[in-house]
PDB file of N, CA and C in Angstrom:
ATOM      1  N   MET A   1     -11.328   5.434   8.066  1.00  0.00           N
ATOM      2  CA  MET A   1     -11.360   5.247   6.611  1.00  0.00           C
ATOM      3  C   MET A   1     -10.775   3.875   6.283  1.00  0.00           C
ATOM      4  N   ALA A   2     -11.544   3.051   5.646  1.00  0.00           N
ATOM      5  CA  ALA A   2     -11.094   1.697   5.314  1.00  0.00           C
ATOM      6  C   ALA A   2     -10.116   1.736   4.143  1.00  0.00           C
ATOM      7  N   THR A   3      -9.425   0.620   3.975  1.00  0.00           N
ATOM      8  CA  THR A   3      -8.526   0.516   2.830  1.00  0.00           C
ATOM      9  C   THR A   3      -9.356   0.554   1.549  1.00  0.00           C
ATOM     10  N   LEU A   4      -8.730   0.980   0.476  1.00  0.00           N
ATOM     11  CA  LEU A   4      -9.408   1.188  -0.797  1.00  0.00           C
ATOM     12  C   LEU A   4      -8.977   0.110  -1.787  1.00  0.00           C
ATOM     13  N   LYS A   5      -9.948  -0.587  -2.374  1.00  0.00           N
ATOM     14  CA  LYS A   5      -9.624  -1.573  -3.395  1.00  0.00           C
ATOM     15  C   LYS A   5      -9.315  -0.831  -4.694  1.00  0.00           C
ATOM     16  N   VAL A   6      -8.141  -1.118  -5.254  1.00  0.00           N
ATOM     17  CA  VAL A   6      -7.712  -0.463  -6.488  1.00  0.00           C
ATOM     18  C   VAL A   6      -7.494  -1.549  -7.544  1.00  0.00           C
ATOM     19  N   THR A   7      -7.888  -1.255  -8.773  1.00  0.00           N
ATOM     20  CA  THR A   7      -7.748  -2.194  -9.882  1.00  0.00           C
ATOM     21  C   THR A   7      -6.827  -1.610 -10.946  1.00  0.00           C
ATOM     22  N   ASP A   8      -6.566  -2.416 -11.978  1.00  0.00           N
ATOM     23  CA  ASP A   8      -5.785  -1.905 -13.113  1.00  0.00           C
ATOM     24  C   ASP A   8      -6.420  -0.629 -13.660  1.00  0.00           C
ATOM     25  N   ASP A   9      -7.755  -0.601 -13.715  1.00  0.00           N
ATOM     26  CA  ASP A   9      -8.471   0.547 -14.280  1.00  0.00           C
ATOM     27  C   ASP A   9      -8.422   1.789 -13.403  1.00  0.00           C
ATOM     28  N   SER A  10      -8.364   1.607 -12.078  1.00  0.00           N
ATOM     29  CA  SER A  10      -8.422   2.762 -11.177  1.00  0.00           C
ATOM     30  C   SER A  10      -7.065   3.162 -10.594  1.00  0.00           C
ATOM     31  N   PHE A  11      -6.003   2.418 -10.886  1.00  0.00           N
ATOM     32  CA  PHE A  11      -4.696   2.678 -10.275  1.00  0.00           C
ATOM     33  C   PHE A  11      -4.192   4.099 -10.563  1.00  0.00           C
ATOM     34  N   GLU A  12      -4.268   4.513 -11.804  1.00  0.00           N
ATOM     35  CA  GLU A  12      -3.761   5.850 -12.146  1.00  0.00           C
ATOM     36  C   GLU A  12      -4.509   6.939 -11.382  1.00  0.00           C
ATOM     37  N   ALA A  13      -5.837   6.875 -11.388  1.00  0.00           N
ATOM     38  CA  ALA A  13      -6.635   7.913 -10.730  1.00  0.00           C
ATOM     39  C   ALA A  13      -6.471   7.870  -9.213  1.00  0.00           C
ATOM     40  N   GLU A  14      -6.499   6.683  -8.612  1.00  0.00           N
ATOM     41  CA  GLU A  14      -6.486   6.548  -7.155  1.00  0.00           C
ATOM     42  C   GLU A  14      -5.096   6.672  -6.538  1.00  0.00           C
ATOM     43  N   VAL A  15      -4.059   6.296  -7.293  1.00  0.00           N
ATOM     44  CA  VAL A  15      -2.702   6.284  -6.740  1.00  0.00           C
ATOM     45  C   VAL A  15      -1.827   7.357  -7.380  1.00  0.00           C
ATOM     46  N   LEU A  16      -1.661   7.285  -8.678  1.00  0.00           N
ATOM     47  CA  LEU A  16      -0.716   8.191  -9.350  1.00  0.00           C
ATOM     48  C   LEU A  16      -1.201   9.643  -9.374  1.00  0.00           C
ATOM     49  N   LYS A  17      -2.512   9.848  -9.375  1.00  0.00           N
ATOM     50  CA  LYS A  17      -3.045  11.217  -9.402  1.00  0.00           C
ATOM     51  C   LYS A  17      -3.616  11.642  -8.052  1.00  0.00           C
ATOM     52  N   ALA A  18      -3.327  10.890  -7.005  1.00  0.00           N
ATOM     53  CA  ALA A  18      -3.839  11.215  -5.670  1.00  0.00           C
ATOM     54  C   ALA A  18      -3.191  12.493  -5.151  1.00  0.00           C
ATOM     55  N   ASP A  19      -3.944  13.232  -4.343  1.00  0.00           N
ATOM     56  CA  ASP A  19      -3.422  14.467  -3.760  1.00  0.00           C
ATOM     57  C   ASP A  19      -2.313  14.206  -2.755  1.00  0.00           C
ATOM     58  N   GLY A  20      -2.509  13.231  -1.893  1.00  0.00           N
ATOM     59  CA  GLY A  20      -1.537  12.956  -0.836  1.00  0.00           C
ATOM     60  C   GLY A  20      -0.822  11.642  -1.058  1.00  0.00           C
ATOM     61  N   PRO A  21      -0.039  11.228  -0.066  1.00  0.00           N
ATOM     62  CA  PRO A  21       0.688   9.964  -0.173  1.00  0.00           C
ATOM     63  C   PRO A  21      -0.254   8.758  -0.159  1.00  0.00           C
ATOM     64  N   VAL A  22       0.147   7.728  -0.888  1.00  0.00           N
ATOM     65  CA  VAL A  22      -0.644   6.497  -0.977  1.00  0.00           C
ATOM     66  C   VAL A  22       0.268   5.298  -0.738  1.00  0.00           C
ATOM     67  N   LEU A  23      -0.117   4.455   0.215  1.00  0.00           N
ATOM     68  CA  LEU A  23       0.582   3.194   0.444  1.00  0.00           C
ATOM     69  C   LEU A  23      -0.219   2.125  -0.292  1.00  0.00           C
ATOM     70  N   VAL A  24       0.424   1.433  -1.226  1.00  0.00           N
ATOM     71  CA  VAL A  24      -0.252   0.400  -2.005  1.00  0.00           C
ATOM     72  C   VAL A  24       0.235  -0.969  -1.543  1.00  0.00           C
ATOM     73  N   ASP A  25      -0.716  -1.814  -1.184  1.00  0.00           N
ATOM     74  CA  ASP A  25      -0.448  -3.194  -0.788  1.00  0.00           C
ATOM     75  C   ASP A  25      -0.803  -4.094  -1.965  1.00  0.00           C
ATOM     76  N   PHE A  26       0.230  -4.693  -2.593  1.00  0.00           N
ATOM     77  CA  PHE A  26      -0.004  -5.683  -3.638  1.00  0.00           C
ATOM     78  C   PHE A  26      -0.118  -7.029  -2.934  1.00  0.00           C
ATOM     79  N   TRP A  27      -1.267  -7.682  -3.061  1.00  0.00           N
ATOM     80  CA  TRP A  27      -1.552  -8.877  -2.293  1.00  0.00           C
ATOM     81  C   TRP A  27      -2.308  -9.893  -3.136  1.00  0.00           C
ATOM     82  N   ALA A  28      -2.533 -11.088  -2.551  1.00  0.00           N
ATOM     83  CA  ALA A  28      -3.330 -12.125  -3.204  1.00  0.00           C
ATOM     84  C   ALA A  28      -4.111 -12.884  -2.141  1.00  0.00           C
ATOM     85  N   GLU A  29      -5.280 -13.374  -2.517  1.00  0.00           N
ATOM     86  CA  GLU A  29      -6.155 -14.102  -1.606  1.00  0.00           C
ATOM     87  C   GLU A  29      -5.482 -15.350  -1.039  1.00  0.00           C
ATOM     88  N   TRP A  30      -4.631 -15.999  -1.827  1.00  0.00           N
ATOM     89  CA  TRP A  30      -3.983 -17.243  -1.421  1.00  0.00           C
ATOM     90  C   TRP A  30      -2.711 -17.031  -0.596  1.00  0.00           C
ATOM     91  N   CYS A  31      -2.342 -15.792  -0.347  1.00  0.00           N
ATOM     92  CA  CYS A  31      -1.069 -15.453   0.320  1.00  0.00           C
ATOM     93  C   CYS A  31      -1.275 -15.295   1.828  1.00  0.00           C
ATOM     94  N   GLY A  32      -0.716 -16.206   2.607  1.00  0.00           N
ATOM     95  CA  GLY A  32      -0.827 -16.154   4.065  1.00  0.00           C
ATOM     96  C   GLY A  32      -0.281 -14.873   4.674  1.00  0.00           C
ATOM     97  N   PRO A  33       0.977 -14.490   4.356  1.00  0.00           N
ATOM     98  CA  PRO A  33       1.529 -13.248   4.909  1.00  0.00           C
ATOM     99  C   PRO A  33       0.707 -12.007   4.532  1.00  0.00           C
ATOM    100  N   CYS A  34       0.081 -12.034   3.358  1.00  0.00           N
ATOM    101  CA  CYS A  34      -0.779 -10.911   2.947  1.00  0.00           C
ATOM    102  C   CYS A  34      -1.952 -10.771   3.909  1.00  0.00           C
ATOM    103  N   LYS A  35      -2.528 -11.924   4.273  1.00  0.00           N
ATOM    104  CA  LYS A  35      -3.667 -11.910   5.194  1.00  0.00           C
ATOM    105  C   LYS A  35      -3.233 -11.473   6.590  1.00  0.00           C
ATOM    106  N   GLN A  36      -1.981 -11.766   6.951  1.00  0.00           N
ATOM    107  CA  GLN A  36      -1.476 -11.367   8.268  1.00  0.00           C
ATOM    108  C   GLN A  36      -1.397  -9.854   8.403  1.00  0.00           C
ATOM    109  N   ILE A  37      -0.960  -9.161   7.348  1.00  0.00           N
ATOM    110  CA  ILE A  37      -0.786  -7.706   7.463  1.00  0.00           C
ATOM    111  C   ILE A  37      -2.062  -6.935   7.163  1.00  0.00           C
ATOM    112  N   GLY A  38      -3.083  -7.608   6.635  1.00  0.00           N
ATOM    113  CA  GLY A  38      -4.343  -6.936   6.309  1.00  0.00           C
ATOM    114  C   GLY A  38      -4.945  -6.152   7.464  1.00  0.00           C
ATOM    115  N   PRO A  39      -5.111  -6.785   8.650  1.00  0.00           N
ATOM    116  CA  PRO A  39      -5.691  -6.046   9.779  1.00  0.00           C
ATOM    117  C   PRO A  39      -4.851  -4.834  10.200  1.00  0.00           C
ATOM    118  N   ALA A  40      -3.524  -4.962  10.146  1.00  0.00           N
ATOM    119  CA  ALA A  40      -2.650  -3.832  10.500  1.00  0.00           C
ATOM    120  C   ALA A  40      -2.862  -2.674   9.528  1.00  0.00           C
ATOM    121  N   LEU A  41      -3.000  -2.994   8.243  1.00  0.00           N
ATOM    122  CA  LEU A  41      -3.216  -1.939   7.246  1.00  0.00           C
ATOM    123  C   LEU A  41      -4.573  -1.269   7.453  1.00  0.00           C
ATOM    124  N   GLU A  42      -5.589  -2.037   7.846  1.00  0.00           N
ATOM    125  CA  GLU A  42      -6.900  -1.455   8.139  1.00  0.00           C
ATOM    126  C   GLU A  42      -6.794  -0.485   9.319  1.00  0.00           C
ATOM    127  N   GLN A  43      -6.069  -0.887  10.366  1.00  0.00           N
ATOM    128  CA  GLN A  43      -5.884  -0.030  11.540  1.00  0.00           C
ATOM    129  C   GLN A  43      -5.136   1.242  11.168  1.00  0.00           C
ATOM    130  N   ILE A  44      -4.066   1.094  10.402  1.00  0.00           N
ATOM    131  CA  ILE A  44      -3.272   2.256   9.985  1.00  0.00           C
ATOM    132  C   ILE A  44      -4.137   3.196   9.142  1.00  0.00           C
ATOM    133  N   SER A  45      -4.977   2.623   8.281  1.00  0.00           N
ATOM    134  CA  SER A  45      -5.861   3.431   7.448  1.00  0.00           C
ATOM    135  C   SER A  45      -6.779   4.294   8.313  1.00  0.00           C
ATOM    136  N   ASP A  46      -7.287   3.704   9.400  1.00  0.00           N
ATOM    137  CA  ASP A  46      -8.148   4.454  10.320  1.00  0.00           C
ATOM    138  C   ASP A  46      -7.355   5.500  11.102  1.00  0.00           C
ATOM    139  N   GLU A  47      -6.198   5.086  11.631  1.00  0.00           N
ATOM    140  CA  GLU A  47      -5.399   5.968  12.488  1.00  0.00           C
ATOM    141  C   GLU A  47      -4.805   7.146  11.720  1.00  0.00           C
ATOM    142  N   LEU A  48      -4.470   6.924  10.459  1.00  0.00           N
ATOM    143  CA  LEU A  48      -3.802   7.974   9.679  1.00  0.00           C
ATOM    144  C   LEU A  48      -4.715   8.545   8.593  1.00  0.00           C
ATOM    145  N   ALA A  49      -6.017   8.431   8.790  1.00  0.00           N
ATOM    146  CA  ALA A  49      -6.976   8.976   7.822  1.00  0.00           C
ATOM    147  C   ALA A  49      -6.666  10.456   7.601  1.00  0.00           C
ATOM    148  N   GLY A  50      -6.598  10.846   6.338  1.00  0.00           N
ATOM    149  CA  GLY A  50      -6.290  12.228   6.006  1.00  0.00           C
ATOM    150  C   GLY A  50      -4.799  12.480   5.819  1.00  0.00           C
ATOM    151  N   LYS A  51      -3.958  11.551   6.299  1.00  0.00           N
ATOM    152  CA  LYS A  51      -2.506  11.710   6.141  1.00  0.00           C
ATOM    153  C   LYS A  51      -1.957  10.808   5.041  1.00  0.00           C
ATOM    154  N   VAL A  52      -2.505   9.606   4.950  1.00  0.00           N
ATOM    155  CA  VAL A  52      -2.069   8.661   3.925  1.00  0.00           C
ATOM    156  C   VAL A  52      -3.250   7.773   3.550  1.00  0.00           C
ATOM    157  N   LYS A  53      -3.369   7.499   2.256  1.00  0.00           N
ATOM    158  CA  LYS A  53      -4.415   6.600   1.765  1.00  0.00           C
ATOM    159  C   LYS A  53      -3.788   5.209   1.641  1.00  0.00           C
ATOM    160  N   ILE A  54      -4.522   4.186   2.106  1.00  0.00           N
ATOM    161  CA  ILE A  54      -4.051   2.811   1.997  1.00  0.00           C
ATOM    162  C   ILE A  54      -4.869   2.136   0.901  1.00  0.00           C
ATOM    163  N   ALA A  55      -4.190   1.699  -0.151  1.00  0.00           N
ATOM    164  CA  ALA A  55      -4.851   1.051  -1.283  1.00  0.00           C
ATOM    165  C   ALA A  55      -4.374  -0.396  -1.385  1.00  0.00           C
ATOM    166  N   LYS A  56      -5.255  -1.267  -1.826  1.00  0.00           N
ATOM    167  CA  LYS A  56      -4.928  -2.675  -1.976  1.00  0.00           C
ATOM    168  C   LYS A  56      -5.190  -3.102  -3.414  1.00  0.00           C
ATOM    169  N   VAL A  57      -4.181  -3.760  -4.026  1.00  0.00           N
ATOM    170  CA  VAL A  57      -4.316  -4.270  -5.383  1.00  0.00           C
ATOM    171  C   VAL A  57      -4.195  -5.791  -5.325  1.00  0.00           C
ATOM    172  N   ASP A  58      -5.274  -6.492  -5.691  1.00  0.00           N
ATOM    173  CA  ASP A  58      -5.253  -7.947  -5.766  1.00  0.00           C
ATOM    174  C   ASP A  58      -4.556  -8.318  -7.074  1.00  0.00           C
ATOM    175  N   ILE A  59      -3.392  -8.958  -6.965  1.00  0.00           N
ATOM    176  CA  ILE A  59      -2.585  -9.225  -8.164  1.00  0.00           C
ATOM    177  C   ILE A  59      -3.250 -10.208  -9.117  1.00  0.00           C
ATOM    178  N   ASP A  60      -4.175 -11.030  -8.605  1.00  0.00           N
ATOM    179  CA  ASP A  60      -4.878 -11.973  -9.480  1.00  0.00           C
ATOM    180  C   ASP A  60      -5.996 -11.292 -10.253  1.00  0.00           C
ATOM    181  N   ASP A  61      -6.688 -10.349  -9.609  1.00  0.00           N
ATOM    182  CA  ASP A  61      -7.779  -9.621 -10.270  1.00  0.00           C
ATOM    183  C   ASP A  61      -7.252  -8.537 -11.203  1.00  0.00           C
ATOM    184  N   SER A  62      -6.111  -7.962 -10.862  1.00  0.00           N
ATOM    185  CA  SER A  62      -5.533  -6.856 -11.636  1.00  0.00           C
ATOM    186  C   SER A  62      -4.049  -7.124 -11.886  1.00  0.00           C
ATOM    187  N   PRO A  63      -3.732  -8.009 -12.850  1.00  0.00           N
ATOM    188  CA  PRO A  63      -2.329  -8.402 -13.065  1.00  0.00           C
ATOM    189  C   PRO A  63      -1.466  -7.382 -13.811  1.00  0.00           C
ATOM    190  N   MET A  64      -2.068  -6.439 -14.525  1.00  0.00           N
ATOM    191  CA  MET A  64      -1.265  -5.507 -15.327  1.00  0.00           C
ATOM    192  C   MET A  64      -0.473  -4.534 -14.462  1.00  0.00           C
ATOM    193  N   THR A  65      -1.092  -4.001 -13.419  1.00  0.00           N
ATOM    194  CA  THR A  65      -0.417  -3.014 -12.574  1.00  0.00           C
ATOM    195  C   THR A  65       0.784  -3.608 -11.851  1.00  0.00           C
ATOM    196  N   PRO A  66       0.668  -4.757 -11.176  1.00  0.00           N
ATOM    197  CA  PRO A  66       1.856  -5.326 -10.524  1.00  0.00           C
ATOM    198  C   PRO A  66       2.982  -5.602 -11.522  1.00  0.00           C
ATOM    199  N   SER A  67       2.615  -6.061 -12.697  1.00  0.00           N
ATOM    200  CA  SER A  67       3.617  -6.333 -13.728  1.00  0.00           C
ATOM    201  C   SER A  67       4.333  -5.044 -14.128  1.00  0.00           C
ATOM    202  N   ARG A  68       3.544  -3.973 -14.352  1.00  0.00           N
ATOM    203  CA  ARG A  68       4.117  -2.669 -14.734  1.00  0.00           C
ATOM    204  C   ARG A  68       5.001  -2.104 -13.627  1.00  0.00           C
ATOM    205  N   MET A  69       4.630  -2.361 -12.365  1.00  0.00           N
ATOM    206  CA  MET A  69       5.367  -1.803 -11.230  1.00  0.00           C
ATOM    207  C   MET A  69       6.538  -2.692 -10.800  1.00  0.00           C
ATOM    208  N   GLY A  70       6.707  -3.832 -11.454  1.00  0.00           N
ATOM    209  CA  GLY A  70       7.838  -4.702 -11.142  1.00  0.00           C
ATOM    210  C   GLY A  70       7.663  -5.514  -9.868  1.00  0.00           C
ATOM    211  N   VAL A  71       6.419  -5.793  -9.486  1.00  0.00           N
ATOM    212  CA  VAL A  71       6.169  -6.602  -8.291  1.00  0.00           C
ATOM    213  C   VAL A  71       6.608  -8.035  -8.572  1.00  0.00           C
ATOM    214  N   ARG A  72       7.481  -8.574  -7.710  1.00  0.00           N
ATOM    215  CA  ARG A  72       8.022  -9.918  -7.897  1.00  0.00           C
ATOM    216  C   ARG A  72       7.399 -10.937  -6.943  1.00  0.00           C
ATOM    217  N   GLY A  73       6.851 -10.458  -5.831  1.00  0.00           N
ATOM    218  CA  GLY A  73       6.241 -11.349  -4.850  1.00  0.00           C
ATOM    219  C   GLY A  73       5.250 -10.577  -4.013  1.00  0.00           C
ATOM    220  N   VAL A  74       4.452 -11.308  -3.249  1.00  0.00           N
ATOM    221  CA  VAL A  74       3.478 -10.650  -2.386  1.00  0.00           C
ATOM    222  C   VAL A  74       3.679 -11.114  -0.955  1.00  0.00           C
ATOM    223  N   PRO A  75       3.410 -10.278   0.028  1.00  0.00           N
ATOM    224  CA  PRO A  75       2.965  -8.899  -0.148  1.00  0.00           C
ATOM    225  C   PRO A  75       4.125  -7.972  -0.522  1.00  0.00           C
ATOM    226  N   THR A  76       3.839  -6.996  -1.349  1.00  0.00           N
ATOM    227  CA  THR A  76       4.768  -5.916  -1.648  1.00  0.00           C
ATOM    228  C   THR A  76       4.055  -4.613  -1.333  1.00  0.00           C
ATOM    229  N   LEU A  77       4.705  -3.772  -0.534  1.00  0.00           N
ATOM    230  CA  LEU A  77       4.152  -2.468  -0.179  1.00  0.00           C
ATOM    231  C   LEU A  77       4.931  -1.394  -0.926  1.00  0.00           C
ATOM    232  N   MET A  78       4.217  -0.521  -1.610  1.00  0.00           N
ATOM    233  CA  MET A  78       4.846   0.595  -2.323  1.00  0.00           C
ATOM    234  C   MET A  78       4.228   1.888  -1.834  1.00  0.00           C
ATOM    235  N   LEU A  79       5.091   2.874  -1.632  1.00  0.00           N
ATOM    236  CA  LEU A  79       4.643   4.171  -1.155  1.00  0.00           C
ATOM    237  C   LEU A  79       4.822   5.195  -2.270  1.00  0.00           C
ATOM    238  N   PHE A  80       3.723   5.846  -2.629  1.00  0.00           N
ATOM    239  CA  PHE A  80       3.719   6.845  -3.691  1.00  0.00           C
ATOM    240  C   PHE A  80       3.422   8.218  -3.113  1.00  0.00           C
ATOM    241  N   LYS A  81       4.089   9.218  -3.656  1.00  0.00           N
ATOM    242  CA  LYS A  81       3.825  10.601  -3.278  1.00  0.00           C
ATOM    243  C   LYS A  81       3.952  11.432  -4.552  1.00  0.00           C
ATOM    244  N   GLY A  82       2.916  12.198  -4.853  1.00  0.00           N
ATOM    245  CA  GLY A  82       2.934  13.001  -6.080  1.00  0.00           C
ATOM    246  C   GLY A  82       3.061  12.166  -7.336  1.00  0.00           C
ATOM    247  N   GLY A  83       2.509  10.953  -7.295  1.00  0.00           N
ATOM    248  CA  GLY A  83       2.554  10.083  -8.463  1.00  0.00           C
ATOM    249  C   GLY A  83       3.865   9.337  -8.644  1.00  0.00           C
ATOM    250  N   GLU A  84       4.821   9.565  -7.744  1.00  0.00           N
ATOM    251  CA  GLU A  84       6.136   8.925  -7.843  1.00  0.00           C
ATOM    252  C   GLU A  84       6.296   7.861  -6.763  1.00  0.00           C
ATOM    253  N   LEU A  85       6.928   6.755  -7.117  1.00  0.00           N
ATOM    254  CA  LEU A  85       7.262   5.721  -6.142  1.00  0.00           C
ATOM    255  C   LEU A  85       8.420   6.249  -5.300  1.00  0.00           C
ATOM    256  N   ILE A  86       8.208   6.388  -3.980  1.00  0.00           N
ATOM    257  CA  ILE A  86       9.281   6.926  -3.134  1.00  0.00           C
ATOM    258  C   ILE A  86       9.917   5.859  -2.250  1.00  0.00           C
ATOM    259  N   SER A  87       9.217   4.738  -2.038  1.00  0.00           N
ATOM    260  CA  SER A  87       9.787   3.685  -1.208  1.00  0.00           C
ATOM    261  C   SER A  87       9.022   2.393  -1.439  1.00  0.00           C
ATOM    262  N   MET A  88       9.715   1.262  -1.209  1.00  0.00           N
ATOM    263  CA  MET A  88       9.097  -0.038  -1.423  1.00  0.00           C
ATOM    264  C   MET A  88       9.624  -1.025  -0.396  1.00  0.00           C
ATOM    265  N   LYS A  89       8.749  -1.899   0.083  1.00  0.00           N
ATOM    266  CA  LYS A  89       9.122  -2.975   1.010  1.00  0.00           C
ATOM    267  C   LYS A  89       8.459  -4.252   0.535  1.00  0.00           C
ATOM    268  N   ALA A  90       9.185  -5.354   0.602  1.00  0.00           N
ATOM    269  CA  ALA A  90       8.628  -6.658   0.242  1.00  0.00           C
ATOM    270  C   ALA A  90       8.526  -7.511   1.496  1.00  0.00           C
ATOM    271  N   GLY A  91       7.467  -8.279   1.567  1.00  0.00           N
ATOM    272  CA  GLY A  91       7.268  -9.171   2.704  1.00  0.00           C
ATOM    273  C   GLY A  91       6.390  -8.557   3.771  1.00  0.00           C
ATOM    274  N   ALA A  92       5.892  -9.434   4.644  1.00  0.00           N
ATOM    275  CA  ALA A  92       5.013  -8.994   5.726  1.00  0.00           C
ATOM    276  C   ALA A  92       5.829  -8.300   6.813  1.00  0.00           C
ATOM    277  N   MET A  93       5.233  -7.277   7.395  1.00  0.00           N
ATOM    278  CA  MET A  93       5.860  -6.547   8.501  1.00  0.00           C
ATOM    279  C   MET A  93       4.804  -6.324   9.575  1.00  0.00           C
ATOM    280  N   PRO A  94       5.227  -6.270  10.849  1.00  0.00           N
ATOM    281  CA  PRO A  94       4.258  -5.918  11.888  1.00  0.00           C
ATOM    282  C   PRO A  94       3.850  -4.445  11.749  1.00  0.00           C
ATOM    283  N   LYS A  95       2.722  -4.108  12.344  1.00  0.00           N
ATOM    284  CA  LYS A  95       2.170  -2.754  12.258  1.00  0.00           C
ATOM    285  C   LYS A  95       3.198  -1.696  12.644  1.00  0.00           C
ATOM    286  N   GLY A  96       3.938  -1.929  13.732  1.00  0.00           N
ATOM    287  CA  GLY A  96       4.937  -0.956  14.186  1.00  0.00           C
ATOM    288  C   GLY A  96       5.990  -0.657  13.128  1.00  0.00           C
ATOM    289  N   LYS A  97       6.411  -1.689  12.401  1.00  0.00           N
ATOM    290  CA  LYS A  97       7.428  -1.505  11.354  1.00  0.00           C
ATOM    291  C   LYS A  97       6.860  -0.721  10.174  1.00  0.00           C
ATOM    292  N   ILE A  98       5.597  -0.969   9.858  1.00  0.00           N
ATOM    293  CA  ILE A  98       4.969  -0.212   8.770  1.00  0.00           C
ATOM    294  C   ILE A  98       4.888   1.263   9.158  1.00  0.00           C
ATOM    295  N   LEU A  99       4.495   1.537  10.407  1.00  0.00           N
ATOM    296  CA  LEU A  99       4.425   2.923  10.877  1.00  0.00           C
ATOM    297  C   LEU A  99       5.806   3.582  10.869  1.00  0.00           C
ATOM    298  N   GLU A 100       6.844   2.845  11.288  1.00  0.00           N
ATOM    299  CA  GLU A 100       8.224   3.373  11.245  1.00  0.00           C
ATOM    300  C   GLU A 100       8.614   3.713   9.818  1.00  0.00           C
ATOM    301  N   TRP A 101       8.290   2.826   8.894  1.00  0.00           N
ATOM    302  CA  TRP A 101       8.625   3.023   7.486  1.00  0.00           C
ATOM    303  C   TRP A 101       7.955   4.287   6.958  1.00  0.00           C
ATOM    304  N   LEU A 102       6.675   4.467   7.291  1.00  0.00           N
ATOM    305  CA  LEU A 102       5.969   5.677   6.850  1.00  0.00           C
ATOM    306  C   LEU A 102       6.607   6.931   7.436  1.00  0.00           C
ATOM    307  N   ALA A 103       7.039   6.868   8.690  1.00  0.00           N
ATOM    308  CA  ALA A 103       7.690   8.019   9.331  1.00  0.00           C
ATOM    309  C   ALA A 103       9.038   8.306   8.663  1.00  0.00           C
ATOM    310  N   GLU A 104       9.812   7.251   8.393  1.00  0.00           N
ATOM    311  CA  GLU A 104      11.124   7.422   7.731  1.00  0.00           C
ATOM    312  C   GLU A 104      10.968   8.043   6.354  1.00  0.00           C
ATOM    313  N   ALA A 105       9.876   7.707   5.686  1.00  0.00           N
ATOM    314  CA  ALA A 105       9.635   8.227   4.336  1.00  0.00           C
ATOM    315  C   ALA A 105       9.074   9.664   4.379  1.00  0.00           C
ATOM    316  N   GLY A 106       8.831  10.169   5.602  1.00  0.00           N
ATOM    317  CA  GLY A 106       8.349  11.534   5.739  1.00  0.00           C
ATOM    318  C   GLY A 106       6.855  11.686   5.535  1.00  0.00           C
ATOM    319  N   VAL A 107       6.137  10.571   5.549  1.00  0.00           N
ATOM    320  CA  VAL A 107       4.689  10.633   5.343  1.00  0.00           C
ATOM    321  C   VAL A 107       3.981  10.974   6.648  1.00  0.00           C
ATOM    322  N   THR A 108       4.489  10.448   7.758  1.00  0.00           N
ATOM    323  CA  THR A 108       3.879  10.681   9.064  1.00  0.00           C
ATOM    324  C   THR A 108       4.966  11.072  10.065  1.00  0.00           C
ATOM    325  N   GLN A 109       4.533  11.525  11.197  1.00  0.00           N
ATOM    326  CA  GLN A 109       5.462  11.794  12.299  1.00  0.00           C
ATOM    327  C   GLN A 109       5.748  10.473  13.006  1.00  0.00           C
ATOM    328  N   ALA A 110       6.956  10.320  13.508  1.00  0.00           N
ATOM    329  CA  ALA A 110       7.274   9.116  14.272  1.00  0.00           C
ATOM    330  C   ALA A 110       6.411   9.100  15.545  1.00  0.00           C
ATOM    331  N   ALA A 111       5.972   7.900  15.888  1.00  0.00           N
ATOM    332  CA  ALA A 111       5.092   7.773  17.055  1.00  0.00           C
ATOM    333  C   ALA A 111       5.852   7.993  18.349  1.00  0.00           C
TER     334      ALA A 111
END
């Protein structure tokens, strides 16, 4: 399952009203570190299909949602469960660290 593009218009339905946990990547086309973590997020989306949805919000295309969520820089990763923000990380992380973070948050089992 590939990552899901989410916009200001679809954020509530795709993230806040989602059945399961959703990891949201706030990113921008001009952001180098954002591009670095993109492939890792695609892999995680495939590996954890059915356990967590990976959504991507382009802050330039959809500026209202990052502003509402208090995003100060990119990349910013936010983890939602039941419509609530349960954890947040700023900056690029390697795939292993993202998986650890998801396990610590109780979304997945530790590898």
